[in-house]
Amino acid sequence: MFENEFDIATLISLQQKGGLNPTQQKMLDSWIEEDQANRLLFEQLGNAELVQDKLAEFSRIDDEAAWLKLSATLAAATPQTRHIPLWPKILAAAAAIAMIVFGLWFFEFGGLPASQKEDWVKNDIAPGRNGATLTLSSGEVVVLDGSKSGVVIAASNLKYDDGEILKQVQDDVIGSRQSELVSESQLTASTAKGQNYEFRLSDGTRVWLNAGSKLSFPRTFKGKQRKVLLTGEGYFEVAKDHKHPFVVLSGAQELEVLGTHFNINSYADERSVKTTLVEGRVRIGLKGDAQKGNGAAQMVLIPGEQGLLTDGQLAKHSVDTEEALAWKNGYFRFNDEPIASVMRKLSRWYNIDVVYEPGVSNENLNGRISMSNNISQVLNALQTTKTIHFKVEGRRVTVMQ
């Protein structure tokens, strides 16, 4: 419903927190200049007292008549000396924008009244956090410090990105052929549900792993290619080396690149492997005999495109890269996303089991929610759509109509 209004509301919410990039600011400025009514609404939403009052009112909304009430309130709040008419269609859009802005503020900053939090607090679940393990070629599993932001892989040692030494190389590989064995040594970085972490590989490539993911790679790259294996989701900033292409194997897909930024989502419980290109150029293809049907065997992506590998078929389309990178930037971004897909993301980050009661709607949702919120705030935000409700028992979340 109000798709455009939600986009504008998101921009207003980001602007009030100082989080707009130049492109987003230009879009918001254009909307403000488009109509005097837009400018008035924008000014009203910048009034802290008005927003606090309406937020309190928003938390008590429980039927559609509230839309009309908010519309009338906004009209009454317009300075009388301006004499600017708000026609019914414009008024409805203004009310929608205002409601969504209040909603964004509401679930990003935890504006839920204490009386409504009581049932959730009993079963609340904290968000995921920084953390991972690193399995060495010897089979030893090293638990990485969650207070650190990432690990740097080098031939001589493993260290955190603040310079603290994690492990010297001789602890991992011992023998007269040490240097040769080091180059052949394979490491596996793993994040459990509710974890993410950054890894800097020996060639300078940076990889951010999302929850429930694995990345296997050599301690140092040898040969004509720099090859890694990804399961789950990772964002890559590949160090440029035109003589040694960087190759990512994920599921049935093989991606090759010389130096670029991209995101790969290859979770086993997702139907498609999604590759979203942010910068540069990549080629994606199918491993071995994975191709099915008469689809393309490979394709090239340019920035702003997403490749989809589904049941042995390759396809691509234009996308909003912000949505694909939302997890890396600390928030969930739902853009006409089915409820089942939303819950899979929550399951990975909050380490929960999700079950569904019969007849639950699978309507599409739109929203932007901070990943630093407890699950109660996220679920309450989703409940404001009035299409679904939840019950939390331990780490089990039941989705109800």
Protein backbone atom coordinates (compact mmCIF):
# COMPACT_ATOMS: atom_id res chain seq x y z
CA MET A 1 0.00 0.00 0.00
CA PHE A 2 1.76 3.47 0.18
CA GLU A 3 5.02 2.20 -1.37
CA ASN A 4 6.18 5.68 -2.38
CA GLU A 5 5.20 7.09 1.01
CA PHE A 6 7.33 4.46 2.73
CA ASP A 7 10.36 5.41 0.63
CA ILE A 8 9.90 9.09 1.50
CA ALA A 9 9.34 8.24 5.15
CA THR A 10 12.56 6.25 5.23
CA LEU A 11 14.46 9.23 3.81
CA ILE A 12 12.93 11.57 6.40
CA SER A 13 13.79 9.17 9.22
CA LEU A 14 17.40 8.86 8.00
CA GLN A 15 17.69 12.64 7.54
CA GLN A 16 16.61 13.27 11.12
CA LYS A 17 19.45 10.97 12.29
CA GLY A 18 22.01 12.52 9.91
CA GLY A 19 22.33 9.31 7.92
CA LEU A 20 21.55 10.44 4.36
CA ASN A 21 24.09 10.02 1.59
CA PRO A 22 24.24 12.69 -1.19
CA THR A 23 21.95 10.71 -3.52
CA GLN A 24 19.32 10.22 -0.82
CA GLN A 25 19.51 13.89 0.18
CA LYS A 26 18.89 14.88 -3.43
CA MET A 27 15.84 12.61 -3.58
CA LEU A 28 14.44 14.10 -0.37
CA ASP A 29 15.09 17.68 -1.51
CA SER A 30 13.30 16.95 -4.78
CA TRP A 31 10.25 15.63 -2.92
CA ILE A 32 10.18 18.67 -0.62
CA GLU A 33 10.31 21.08 -3.58
CA GLU A 34 7.68 19.13 -5.49
CA ASP A 35 4.75 20.45 -3.46
CA GLN A 36 4.18 23.02 -0.71
CA ALA A 37 2.22 20.42 1.23
CA ASN A 38 5.30 18.21 1.26
CA ARG A 39 7.40 21.04 2.66
CA LEU A 40 4.83 21.70 5.41
CA LEU A 41 4.72 18.04 6.40
CA PHE A 42 8.52 17.86 6.46
CA GLU A 43 8.68 20.91 8.75
CA GLN A 44 6.06 19.42 11.08
CA LEU A 45 7.97 16.16 11.35
CA GLY A 46 11.01 18.17 12.41
CA ASN A 47 9.05 19.47 15.41
CA ALA A 48 10.27 17.28 18.30
CA GLU A 49 7.26 18.00 20.55
CA LEU A 50 4.78 17.19 17.81
CA VAL A 51 6.61 13.96 16.97
CA GLN A 52 6.72 12.88 20.63
CA ASP A 53 3.00 13.57 21.02
CA LYS A 54 2.12 11.69 17.86
CA LEU A 55 4.45 8.83 18.79
CA ALA A 56 2.60 8.39 22.07
CA GLU A 57 -0.65 8.43 20.13
CA PHE A 58 0.75 5.98 17.59
CA SER A 59 1.51 3.41 20.30
CA ARG A 60 -2.20 3.32 21.19
CA ILE A 61 -3.46 2.92 17.62
CA ASP A 62 -5.51 -0.16 17.10
CA ASP A 63 -7.92 0.49 14.27
CA GLU A 64 -8.02 2.12 10.87
CA ALA A 65 -9.98 5.13 12.10
CA ALA A 66 -6.69 6.42 13.53
CA TRP A 67 -5.59 7.33 10.02
CA LEU A 68 -8.38 9.88 9.77
CA LYS A 69 -7.65 11.18 13.25
CA LEU A 70 -3.98 11.74 12.44
CA SER A 71 -4.90 13.38 9.14
CA ALA A 72 -7.16 15.84 10.93
CA THR A 73 -4.50 16.54 13.57
CA LEU A 74 -1.86 17.30 10.96
CA ALA A 75 -4.24 19.59 9.11
CA ALA A 76 -5.04 21.43 12.35
CA ALA A 77 -1.34 21.79 13.11
CA THR A 78 -0.74 23.70 9.87
CA PRO A 79 -0.17 27.42 10.61
CA GLN A 80 -3.36 29.28 9.72
CA THR A 81 -1.53 32.19 8.15
CA ARG A 82 -0.17 29.95 5.37
CA HIS A 83 -3.67 29.10 3.98
CA ILE A 84 -2.41 26.10 2.04
CA PRO A 85 -5.14 23.57 1.20
CA LEU A 86 -4.46 19.86 1.61
CA TRP A 87 -6.74 17.95 -0.71
CA PRO A 88 -7.99 14.52 0.45
CA LYS A 89 -5.52 12.54 -1.67
CA ILE A 90 -2.56 14.65 -0.51
CA LEU A 91 -3.80 14.48 3.08
CA ALA A 92 -3.98 10.69 2.97
CA ALA A 93 -0.43 10.49 1.64
CA ALA A 94 0.76 12.94 4.31
CA ALA A 95 -0.90 10.86 7.00
CA ALA A 96 0.72 7.72 5.62
CA ILE A 97 4.15 9.33 5.59
CA ALA A 98 3.72 10.65 9.12
CA MET A 99 2.56 7.28 10.41
CA ILE A 100 5.46 5.46 8.80
CA VAL A 101 7.99 7.99 10.08
CA PHE A 102 6.63 7.57 13.60
CA GLY A 103 6.78 3.81 13.08
CA LEU A 104 10.40 3.93 11.91
CA TRP A 105 11.37 6.00 14.92
CA PHE A 106 9.30 3.69 17.08
CA PHE A 107 11.02 0.43 16.21
CA GLU A 108 14.53 1.74 15.56
CA PHE A 109 14.79 3.52 18.90
CA GLY A 110 12.66 1.30 21.15
CA GLY A 111 9.76 3.67 21.74
CA LEU A 112 7.44 0.97 23.05
CA PRO A 113 5.60 1.93 26.27
CA ALA A 114 6.60 -0.13 29.31
CA SER A 115 3.04 -1.45 29.73
CA GLN A 116 3.27 -3.09 26.29
CA LYS A 117 6.75 -4.51 26.87
CA GLU A 118 5.94 -6.71 29.86
CA ASP A 119 4.93 -9.85 27.94
CA TRP A 120 7.96 -9.59 25.67
CA VAL A 121 10.55 -8.97 28.39
CA LYS A 122 9.88 -12.40 29.87
CA ASN A 123 10.92 -14.02 26.58
CA ASP A 124 13.19 -11.36 25.11
CA ILE A 125 16.22 -12.34 23.04
CA ALA A 126 19.29 -10.15 22.63
CA PRO A 127 20.62 -9.41 19.12
CA GLY A 128 23.59 -11.16 17.57
CA ARG A 129 27.11 -9.85 18.11
CA ASN A 130 30.63 -9.86 16.75
CA GLY A 131 32.19 -13.29 16.93
CA ALA A 132 33.54 -16.26 14.94
CA THR A 133 35.87 -19.25 14.99
CA LEU A 134 38.88 -20.04 12.83
CA THR A 135 39.73 -23.68 12.12
CA LEU A 136 43.43 -24.22 11.37
CA SER A 137 44.86 -26.85 9.01
CA SER A 138 45.84 -28.89 12.08
CA GLY A 139 42.17 -29.14 13.02
CA GLU A 140 42.53 -26.79 15.99
CA VAL A 141 39.56 -24.44 16.42
CA VAL A 142 40.39 -20.93 17.62
CA VAL A 143 37.57 -18.88 19.17
CA LEU A 144 37.96 -15.28 18.04
CA ASP A 145 37.58 -12.37 20.43
CA GLY A 146 34.17 -10.77 20.01
CA SER A 147 35.46 -7.43 21.28
CA LYS A 148 37.72 -7.22 18.21
CA SER A 149 36.28 -6.25 14.85
CA GLY A 150 38.33 -8.56 12.66
CA VAL A 151 41.31 -10.81 11.96
CA VAL A 152 44.25 -10.34 9.57
CA ILE A 153 45.67 -13.48 7.94
CA ALA A 154 49.42 -13.40 7.24
CA ALA A 155 52.05 -16.01 6.38
CA SER A 156 53.93 -15.46 9.64
CA ASN A 157 51.01 -15.04 12.03
CA LEU A 158 47.35 -14.45 12.67
CA LYS A 159 46.51 -11.15 14.31
CA TYR A 160 43.56 -8.97 15.16
CA ASP A 161 43.12 -5.79 13.17
CA ASP A 162 44.32 -3.74 16.13
CA GLY A 163 47.73 -5.47 15.86
CA GLU A 164 47.38 -7.95 18.72
CA ILE A 165 48.95 -11.30 17.79
CA LEU A 166 46.46 -14.16 17.85
CA LYS A 167 48.77 -16.99 16.83
CA GLN A 168 52.25 -17.42 15.40
CA VAL A 169 52.56 -19.60 12.32
CA GLN A 170 54.77 -22.24 13.94
CA ASP A 171 51.93 -23.08 16.32
CA ASP A 172 49.94 -24.19 13.30
CA VAL A 173 52.52 -25.75 10.99
CA ILE A 174 55.71 -27.42 12.21
CA GLY A 175 58.48 -28.98 10.15
CA SER A 176 61.40 -28.37 7.81
CA ARG A 177 59.02 -27.72 4.90
CA GLN A 178 57.27 -25.05 6.94
CA SER A 179 57.16 -22.30 4.27
CA GLU A 180 55.81 -24.69 1.64
CA LEU A 181 53.23 -26.14 4.00
CA VAL A 182 52.09 -22.69 5.07
CA SER A 183 51.19 -21.77 1.51
CA GLU A 184 49.19 -25.01 1.19
CA SER A 185 47.56 -24.60 4.59
CA GLN A 186 43.77 -24.22 4.42
CA LEU A 187 41.82 -22.23 7.00
CA THR A 188 38.09 -22.08 7.60
CA ALA A 189 36.43 -19.03 9.12
CA SER A 190 32.99 -19.73 10.59
CA THR A 191 30.23 -17.63 12.11
CA ALA A 192 27.44 -19.29 14.06
CA LYS A 193 23.88 -18.03 14.13
CA GLY A 194 23.92 -14.66 15.86
CA GLN A 195 27.50 -13.81 14.84
CA ASN A 196 29.35 -11.85 12.16
CA TYR A 197 33.03 -11.01 11.67
CA GLU A 198 35.55 -9.47 9.29
CA PHE A 199 38.55 -11.31 7.83
CA ARG A 200 41.44 -9.79 5.89
CA LEU A 201 43.06 -12.42 3.67
CA SER A 202 46.77 -12.60 2.84
CA ASP A 203 46.32 -10.72 -0.47
CA GLY A 204 44.59 -7.80 1.24
CA THR A 205 41.04 -8.86 0.31
CA ARG A 206 38.50 -8.04 3.03
CA VAL A 207 35.56 -10.37 3.68
CA TRP A 208 32.68 -9.75 6.08
CA LEU A 209 30.81 -12.94 7.03
CA ASN A 210 27.15 -12.79 7.96
CA ALA A 211 25.56 -15.08 10.56
CA GLY A 212 25.69 -18.83 9.94
CA SER A 213 28.39 -18.65 7.25
CA LYS A 214 31.74 -20.27 6.39
CA LEU A 215 34.69 -19.21 4.27
CA SER A 216 37.51 -21.64 3.38
CA PHE A 217 40.73 -20.18 1.98
CA PRO A 218 44.51 -20.81 1.85
CA ARG A 219 46.83 -19.16 4.34
CA THR A 220 48.63 -17.62 1.33
CA PHE A 221 47.50 -17.72 -2.29
CA LYS A 222 49.61 -19.68 -4.79
CA GLY A 223 49.05 -20.41 -8.46
CA LYS A 224 47.16 -18.54 -11.15
CA GLN A 225 43.96 -18.01 -9.15
CA ARG A 226 43.01 -16.84 -5.68
CA LYS A 227 40.26 -19.32 -4.87
CA VAL A 228 37.93 -19.41 -1.82
CA LEU A 229 34.81 -21.36 -0.91
CA LEU A 230 31.78 -19.61 0.63
CA THR A 231 28.76 -21.10 2.37
CA GLY A 232 26.16 -18.64 3.62
CA GLU A 233 26.61 -14.92 3.03
CA GLY A 234 29.65 -12.71 2.66
CA TYR A 235 30.55 -9.23 1.44
CA PHE A 236 33.84 -9.03 -0.45
CA GLU A 237 36.18 -6.14 -1.17
CA VAL A 238 38.70 -7.86 -3.41
CA ALA A 239 42.26 -6.57 -3.65
CA LYS A 240 43.16 -5.82 -7.28
CA ASP A 241 45.54 -8.26 -8.95
CA HIS A 242 44.99 -8.55 -12.71
CA LYS A 243 47.40 -11.48 -13.00
CA HIS A 244 45.61 -13.56 -10.38
CA PRO A 245 41.80 -13.55 -10.69
CA PHE A 246 39.84 -13.98 -7.46
CA VAL A 247 37.39 -16.88 -7.60
CA VAL A 248 34.52 -17.54 -5.17
CA LEU A 249 32.81 -20.94 -5.23
CA SER A 250 29.36 -20.88 -3.61
CA GLY A 251 26.91 -23.69 -4.09
CA ALA A 252 26.76 -24.51 -7.80
CA GLN A 253 28.07 -21.07 -8.71
CA GLU A 254 31.56 -19.93 -9.64
CA LEU A 255 32.38 -16.21 -9.60
CA GLU A 256 35.53 -14.69 -11.07
CA VAL A 257 36.79 -11.16 -10.55
CA LEU A 258 40.00 -9.16 -10.73
CA GLY A 259 39.15 -6.56 -8.10
CA THR A 260 35.72 -5.35 -7.00
CA HIS A 261 33.07 -5.13 -4.26
CA PHE A 262 30.17 -7.57 -4.14
CA ASN A 263 27.85 -9.53 -1.87
CA ILE A 264 27.01 -13.23 -2.19
CA ASN A 265 24.04 -14.81 -0.42
CA SER A 266 24.25 -18.60 -0.75
CA TYR A 267 22.45 -19.97 2.30
CA ALA A 268 21.25 -23.54 1.90
CA ASP A 269 17.70 -22.61 2.96
CA GLU A 270 17.37 -19.94 0.25
CA ARG A 271 16.10 -20.95 -3.16
CA SER A 272 18.64 -18.90 -5.13
CA VAL A 273 22.28 -17.91 -4.86
CA LYS A 274 22.23 -14.10 -5.07
CA THR A 275 25.28 -12.13 -6.18
CA THR A 276 24.96 -8.35 -5.92
CA LEU A 277 27.62 -6.16 -7.52
CA VAL A 278 28.46 -2.83 -5.89
CA GLU A 279 31.62 -1.84 -7.75
CA GLY A 280 33.68 -3.14 -10.69
CA ARG A 281 32.68 -6.10 -12.85
CA VAL A 282 32.32 -9.84 -12.22
CA ARG A 283 31.59 -12.96 -14.21
CA ILE A 284 29.36 -15.64 -12.75
CA GLY A 285 28.96 -19.13 -14.12
CA LEU A 286 28.08 -22.65 -13.15
CA LYS A 287 30.48 -25.24 -11.76
CA GLY A 288 30.93 -28.40 -13.81
CA ASP A 289 27.65 -29.90 -15.00
CA ALA A 290 25.46 -27.81 -12.69
CA GLN A 291 23.74 -26.07 -15.61
CA LYS A 292 20.21 -27.19 -16.37
CA GLY A 293 17.90 -26.34 -19.24
CA ASN A 294 18.79 -23.85 -21.94
CA GLY A 295 19.78 -20.93 -19.70
CA ALA A 296 23.01 -18.97 -19.96
CA ALA A 297 26.15 -20.81 -18.84
CA GLN A 298 27.68 -17.56 -17.59
CA MET A 299 27.02 -13.83 -17.45
CA VAL A 300 28.72 -10.57 -16.55
CA LEU A 301 27.35 -8.24 -13.88
CA ILE A 302 27.79 -4.48 -13.73
CA PRO A 303 27.27 -2.31 -10.61
CA GLY A 304 23.65 -2.28 -9.46
CA GLU A 305 22.88 -5.71 -10.91
CA GLN A 306 22.12 -8.94 -9.06
CA GLY A 307 22.77 -12.37 -10.49
CA LEU A 308 20.40 -15.18 -9.52
CA LEU A 309 21.26 -18.86 -9.75
CA THR A 310 18.05 -20.85 -9.31
CA ASP A 311 17.72 -24.57 -10.05
CA GLY A 312 20.66 -24.49 -12.46
CA GLN A 313 19.40 -21.39 -14.28
CA LEU A 314 21.20 -18.04 -14.33
CA ALA A 315 19.38 -14.70 -14.54
CA LYS A 316 20.06 -11.10 -13.57
CA HIS A 317 18.16 -7.91 -12.81
CA SER A 318 18.74 -4.40 -11.45
CA VAL A 319 18.49 -3.99 -7.67
CA ASP A 320 18.93 -1.52 -4.83
CA THR A 321 22.38 -2.48 -3.52
CA GLU A 322 21.52 -0.91 -0.14
CA GLU A 323 19.11 -3.77 0.49
CA ALA A 324 21.75 -6.43 -0.19
CA LEU A 325 24.31 -4.69 2.04
CA ALA A 326 21.92 -3.81 4.87
CA TRP A 327 23.23 -6.63 7.12
CA LYS A 328 26.81 -5.37 6.77
CA ASN A 329 25.69 -1.86 7.73
CA GLY A 330 23.84 -3.04 10.84
CA TYR A 331 20.20 -3.21 9.85
CA PHE A 332 17.55 -5.34 8.19
CA ARG A 333 16.04 -3.90 5.00
CA PHE A 334 12.84 -5.50 3.76
CA ASN A 335 11.69 -4.45 0.31
CA ASP A 336 8.46 -6.25 -0.66
CA GLU A 337 9.89 -9.29 1.11
CA PRO A 338 7.72 -12.31 2.02
CA ILE A 339 7.24 -12.95 5.73
CA ALA A 340 8.96 -16.35 5.44
CA SER A 341 12.08 -14.68 4.01
CA VAL A 342 12.04 -12.04 6.76
CA MET A 343 11.83 -14.73 9.43
CA ARG A 344 14.77 -16.65 7.94
CA LYS A 345 16.93 -13.53 8.37
CA LEU A 346 15.74 -13.08 11.96
CA SER A 347 16.39 -16.76 12.65
CA ARG A 348 20.06 -16.42 11.67
CA TRP A 349 20.72 -13.21 13.57
CA TYR A 350 18.82 -13.99 16.78
CA ASN A 351 19.58 -17.74 16.73
CA ILE A 352 15.91 -18.68 16.99
CA ASP A 353 13.73 -21.51 15.74
CA VAL A 354 10.73 -20.27 13.77
CA VAL A 355 7.48 -22.22 13.44
CA TYR A 356 4.24 -21.23 11.73
CA GLU A 357 0.64 -21.77 12.71
CA PRO A 358 -1.65 -22.98 9.89
CA GLY A 359 -3.03 -20.28 7.63
CA VAL A 360 -0.39 -17.64 8.38
CA SER A 361 -0.19 -14.93 5.73
CA ASN A 362 2.94 -14.71 3.59
CA GLU A 363 2.34 -11.14 2.48
CA ASN A 364 5.25 -8.93 1.51
CA LEU A 365 6.70 -6.54 4.09
CA ASN A 366 8.61 -3.28 3.77
CA GLY A 367 10.80 -1.81 6.47
CA ARG A 368 14.17 -0.89 7.88
CA ILE A 369 15.02 -2.22 11.37
CA SER A 370 18.22 -1.89 13.37
CA MET A 371 19.96 -5.19 14.04
CA SER A 372 21.01 -3.89 17.47
CA ASN A 373 17.44 -4.15 18.78
CA ASN A 374 16.28 -7.00 20.98
CA ILE A 375 13.90 -9.31 19.21
CA SER A 376 10.90 -7.89 21.10
CA GLN A 377 11.33 -4.54 19.37
CA VAL A 378 11.67 -6.15 15.95
CA LEU A 379 8.64 -8.41 16.37
CA ASN A 380 6.51 -5.58 17.73
CA ALA A 381 7.48 -3.50 14.70
CA LEU A 382 6.38 -6.31 12.39
CA GLN A 383 3.12 -6.66 14.32
CA THR A 384 2.22 -3.06 13.49
CA THR A 385 1.43 -4.32 9.97
CA LYS A 386 -1.51 -6.20 11.56
CA THR A 387 -0.90 -9.14 9.20
CA ILE A 388 1.00 -11.33 11.69
CA HIS A 389 1.51 -11.82 15.44
CA PHE A 390 4.11 -13.70 17.45
CA LYS A 391 4.58 -15.84 20.51
CA VAL A 392 8.06 -16.25 22.03
CA GLU A 393 8.89 -19.31 24.14
CA GLY A 394 12.59 -19.58 24.94
CA ARG A 395 14.32 -19.43 21.55
CA ARG A 396 11.22 -20.62 19.71
CA VAL A 397 9.17 -17.98 17.90
CA THR A 398 5.71 -18.92 16.64
CA VAL A 399 4.28 -16.88 13.77
CA MET A 400 0.49 -16.50 14.07
CA GLN A 401 -2.24 -14.87 12.03
